[in-house]
Structures are given as C-alpha cells and as structure tokens.
C-alpha cells in the first residue's frame, strides 16, 4: 500500500512539474525616452501584449508603433510614425526568444533573468540579451520590469541633420507589466 501511495505521489508531482506554465500579459506599458542636448522626448504605449511559457523558457512580446502617446507636440508624433518609424510599413516592435535562467514559480520574490532573442524594430532584427526583473507573487502573478537602450542606427532609423540636436541616437526603453497564468 505504501508503494502505491509513493508511486501516486511521484506521478502527480512529475505531472505537475511537467505541466505547461503559460503566462499572458494582462497590463503592460512601454515607455521610451530620447534625451538629446536640446530636447527630451517621452512617449508611452499601453498596447503591449505578450506571452511567457515558463516550461519551455520562451517568450514573445509586441507593441504597435501607432499606439505611442505623449511626445512634446502632435507634430513629433507624426514625425515619429511617418518619418522615423515608418509605422505604415513597420507597424510592430517585437521581441521573442528564450529566457536563459530557470524560473521557479514556487520561489516567491524578485529575481533577475536574461531574455535572449530577436528584437525587431523598423523591420530590422537584432540579436539581444536584455536583463529582466521578475517579481513572482501569489496567485500565479508575475510582475515584469526591464530597462534597456536601442541604438537608432542599429535599426536603420535615420536622424535628419536638421534635428540632430533634438533626437538622441540612443533611445532608452522601459517595460513594465503584470502577467497572469493563462488557463
């Protein structure tokens, strides 16, 4: 009888550990900052979507370029979408790949992991490793936070000479979100 009970416990624990842990981004914000000598430009989007498969250590996130709000004036938003990002041609920024470290959902608290994958902006893909802070909370909730820079030249985004002092060649991006287990 004890053997049967032991085998039953072993099978149940193995099945649970092999279960797929899919997490979906329910709330997310992407913000970028261009801190140039003559002007600071900030914009944000609440249209971030994403999924994280903890068992496969895979992720995919995307944001619509047209969804960014803020800027210093309406003309900047127009230039952002039409001249720099060419949002009609390249409507999304996408980051997909794998988490390098293991994530243990039973260990509540804050951990830092590295997300390695293809980061695509303006139709140009770059292999990136981006640090991400995860706060694993109760009820299968994961808070996500990351800050990283994007060099415009790496994605063939040109800065016209007339605005070279108003637009930084390095853009800082901050991502914050809350993921819940998809059922």
Protein backbone atom coordinates (compact mmCIF):
# COMPACT_ATOMS: atom_id res chain seq x y z
CA UNK A 1 0.00 0.00 0.00
CA UNK A 2 2.83 2.39 0.84
CA UNK A 3 4.44 1.66 -2.54
CA UNK A 4 1.23 2.52 -4.37
CA UNK A 5 0.88 5.72 -2.38
CA UNK A 6 4.53 6.61 -3.07
CA UNK A 7 4.10 5.96 -6.82
CA UNK A 8 0.90 8.01 -6.91
CA UNK A 9 2.63 10.96 -5.22
CA UNK A 10 5.61 10.62 -7.57
CA UNK A 11 3.39 10.53 -10.68
CA UNK A 12 1.33 13.52 -9.53
CA UNK A 13 4.39 15.62 -8.72
CA UNK A 14 6.05 14.72 -12.03
CA UNK A 15 2.90 15.56 -13.97
CA UNK A 16 2.59 18.90 -12.20
CA UNK A 17 6.23 19.83 -12.81
CA UNK A 18 5.87 18.94 -16.49
CA UNK A 19 2.69 20.99 -16.81
CA UNK A 20 2.87 23.91 -19.14
CA UNK A 21 3.02 27.27 -17.37
CA UNK A 22 1.77 29.85 -19.85
CA UNK A 23 1.59 33.43 -18.66
CA UNK A 24 -0.16 36.21 -20.53
CA UNK A 25 0.48 39.93 -20.19
CA UNK A 26 -2.71 41.50 -18.84
CA UNK A 27 -1.41 45.02 -18.21
CA UNK A 28 1.71 46.45 -19.75
CA UNK A 29 3.33 49.77 -20.54
CA UNK A 30 6.28 50.53 -22.80
CA UNK A 31 7.91 53.93 -22.45
CA UNK A 32 10.78 55.40 -24.41
CA UNK A 33 12.92 58.45 -23.77
CA UNK A 34 15.11 60.36 -26.19
CA UNK A 35 17.37 62.59 -24.10
CA UNK A 36 19.11 64.87 -26.62
CA UNK A 37 21.06 68.09 -25.97
CA UNK A 38 18.17 70.40 -26.95
CA UNK A 39 15.11 68.30 -26.15
CA UNK A 40 13.81 65.38 -24.12
CA UNK A 41 11.06 63.37 -25.82
CA UNK A 42 9.00 60.82 -23.90
CA UNK A 43 6.19 58.60 -25.20
CA UNK A 44 4.39 55.55 -23.88
CA UNK A 45 2.06 52.82 -25.02
CA UNK A 46 -0.38 50.70 -23.05
CA UNK A 47 -0.82 48.36 -26.03
CA UNK A 48 1.94 45.95 -25.03
CA UNK A 49 0.99 42.30 -25.38
CA UNK A 50 3.00 39.23 -24.58
CA UNK A 51 3.21 35.62 -23.55
CA UNK A 52 5.71 33.68 -21.45
CA UNK A 53 5.97 29.88 -21.45
CA UNK A 54 7.93 29.06 -18.33
CA UNK A 55 8.19 25.33 -19.03
CA UNK A 56 9.80 25.97 -22.45
CA UNK A 57 11.53 29.18 -21.29
CA UNK A 58 10.13 31.00 -24.33
CA UNK A 59 8.59 34.46 -24.65
CA UNK A 60 7.14 36.84 -27.23
CA UNK A 61 6.17 40.49 -26.77
CA UNK A 62 4.92 43.09 -29.22
CA UNK A 63 3.75 46.69 -29.27
CA UNK A 64 2.01 48.65 -32.01
CA UNK A 65 4.07 51.66 -33.08
CA UNK A 66 0.98 53.82 -33.68
CA UNK A 67 -0.12 53.27 -30.07
CA UNK A 68 2.56 55.52 -28.55
CA UNK A 69 1.19 58.68 -26.90
CA UNK A 70 2.90 61.60 -25.28
CA UNK A 71 5.62 63.41 -27.22
CA UNK A 72 6.05 67.15 -26.80
CA UNK A 73 3.53 68.01 -29.51
CA UNK A 74 1.35 66.41 -32.19
CA UNK A 75 3.92 67.15 -34.90
CA UNK A 76 6.51 64.98 -33.09
CA UNK A 77 4.09 62.05 -33.03
CA UNK A 78 3.51 62.50 -36.76
CA UNK A 79 7.24 62.60 -37.49
CA UNK A 80 7.78 59.56 -35.25
CA UNK A 81 5.24 57.45 -37.17
CA UNK A 82 5.78 58.78 -40.69
CA UNK A 83 9.46 59.73 -40.96
CA UNK A 84 11.39 57.71 -38.39
CA UNK A 85 9.49 54.51 -37.59
CA UNK A 86 7.57 54.33 -40.89
CA UNK A 87 4.74 52.75 -38.91
CA UNK A 88 2.62 52.02 -42.00
CA UNK A 89 5.38 49.74 -43.30
CA UNK A 90 6.68 48.51 -39.92
CA UNK A 91 3.66 48.57 -37.57
CA UNK A 92 5.15 46.50 -34.71
CA UNK A 93 8.15 46.26 -32.44
CA UNK A 94 8.67 42.61 -31.46
CA UNK A 95 10.95 40.79 -29.03
CA UNK A 96 10.83 36.99 -28.95
CA UNK A 97 13.20 34.33 -27.75
CA UNK A 98 14.22 32.35 -24.68
CA UNK A 99 14.86 33.02 -21.01
CA UNK A 100 18.41 31.93 -20.17
CA UNK A 101 17.87 31.18 -16.46
CA UNK A 102 15.30 28.85 -14.91
CA UNK A 103 12.23 30.38 -13.28
CA UNK A 104 10.90 28.61 -10.19
CA UNK A 105 7.29 29.64 -9.58
CA UNK A 106 7.43 28.19 -6.07
CA UNK A 107 10.10 30.71 -5.06
CA UNK A 108 8.15 33.91 -4.44
CA UNK A 109 10.13 37.12 -4.63
CA UNK A 110 12.24 39.10 -7.08
CA UNK A 111 14.73 37.57 -9.49
CA UNK A 112 16.71 38.88 -12.44
CA UNK A 113 16.88 36.82 -15.61
CA UNK A 114 18.26 37.41 -19.09
CA UNK A 115 15.97 37.35 -22.10
CA UNK A 116 17.85 36.36 -25.26
CA UNK A 117 16.19 36.69 -28.61
CA UNK A 118 15.39 38.62 -31.75
CA UNK A 119 14.45 42.25 -31.18
CA UNK A 120 12.81 43.74 -34.27
CA UNK A 121 12.16 47.43 -34.79
CA UNK A 122 11.73 49.25 -38.11
CA UNK A 123 11.96 45.92 -39.94
CA UNK A 124 15.49 45.22 -38.66
CA UNK A 125 16.14 42.27 -36.35
CA UNK A 126 18.94 42.35 -33.80
CA UNK A 127 20.04 39.52 -31.52
CA UNK A 128 19.79 40.93 -27.98
CA UNK A 129 20.25 39.83 -24.41
CA UNK A 130 18.12 42.05 -22.19
CA UNK A 131 18.04 41.92 -18.37
CA UNK A 132 14.57 41.49 -16.91
CA UNK A 133 13.44 41.72 -13.30
CA UNK A 134 10.60 39.36 -12.40
CA UNK A 135 8.62 39.56 -9.19
CA UNK A 136 6.88 36.25 -8.63
CA UNK A 137 3.87 36.81 -6.45
CA UNK A 138 0.94 34.91 -5.05
CA UNK A 139 -1.84 33.52 -7.22
CA UNK A 140 0.48 32.90 -10.18
CA UNK A 141 1.10 36.59 -10.90
CA UNK A 142 4.43 37.77 -12.32
CA UNK A 143 5.43 41.43 -12.48
CA UNK A 144 7.88 42.22 -15.28
CA UNK A 145 10.29 45.16 -15.42
CA UNK A 146 13.10 45.91 -17.83
CA UNK A 147 15.14 48.88 -18.97
CA UNK A 148 17.42 48.81 -21.99
CA UNK A 149 18.70 51.03 -24.77
CA UNK A 150 18.12 50.90 -28.51
CA UNK A 151 20.56 52.50 -30.91
CA UNK A 152 18.62 54.02 -33.81
CA UNK A 153 21.43 53.25 -36.27
CA UNK A 154 21.18 49.52 -35.41
CA UNK A 155 17.67 49.56 -36.88
CA UNK A 156 18.34 51.81 -39.88
CA UNK A 157 16.46 54.73 -38.33
CA UNK A 158 18.00 57.90 -39.73
CA UNK A 159 18.13 61.23 -37.89
CA UNK A 160 17.93 64.22 -40.26
CA UNK A 161 20.69 66.80 -39.69
CA UNK A 162 18.10 69.48 -39.00
CA UNK A 163 17.02 67.68 -35.78
CA UNK A 164 20.31 66.04 -34.79
CA UNK A 165 20.43 68.05 -31.53
CA UNK A 166 16.78 67.27 -30.71
CA UNK A 167 16.79 63.49 -31.16
CA UNK A 168 19.18 61.19 -29.34
CA UNK A 169 20.82 58.36 -31.32
CA UNK A 170 20.30 56.15 -28.23
CA UNK A 171 16.74 55.63 -27.00
CA UNK A 172 16.06 54.29 -23.50
CA UNK A 173 13.13 51.88 -23.25
CA UNK A 174 11.35 50.86 -20.04
CA UNK A 175 8.88 47.98 -19.93
CA UNK A 176 6.54 47.29 -17.01
CA UNK A 177 3.82 44.69 -16.95
CA UNK A 178 1.79 42.17 -15.00
CA UNK A 179 1.42 38.63 -16.27
CA UNK A 180 -1.10 36.06 -15.08
CA UNK A 181 -1.29 32.36 -15.74
CA UNK A 182 -3.34 31.58 -18.82
CA UNK A 183 -5.94 28.94 -18.09
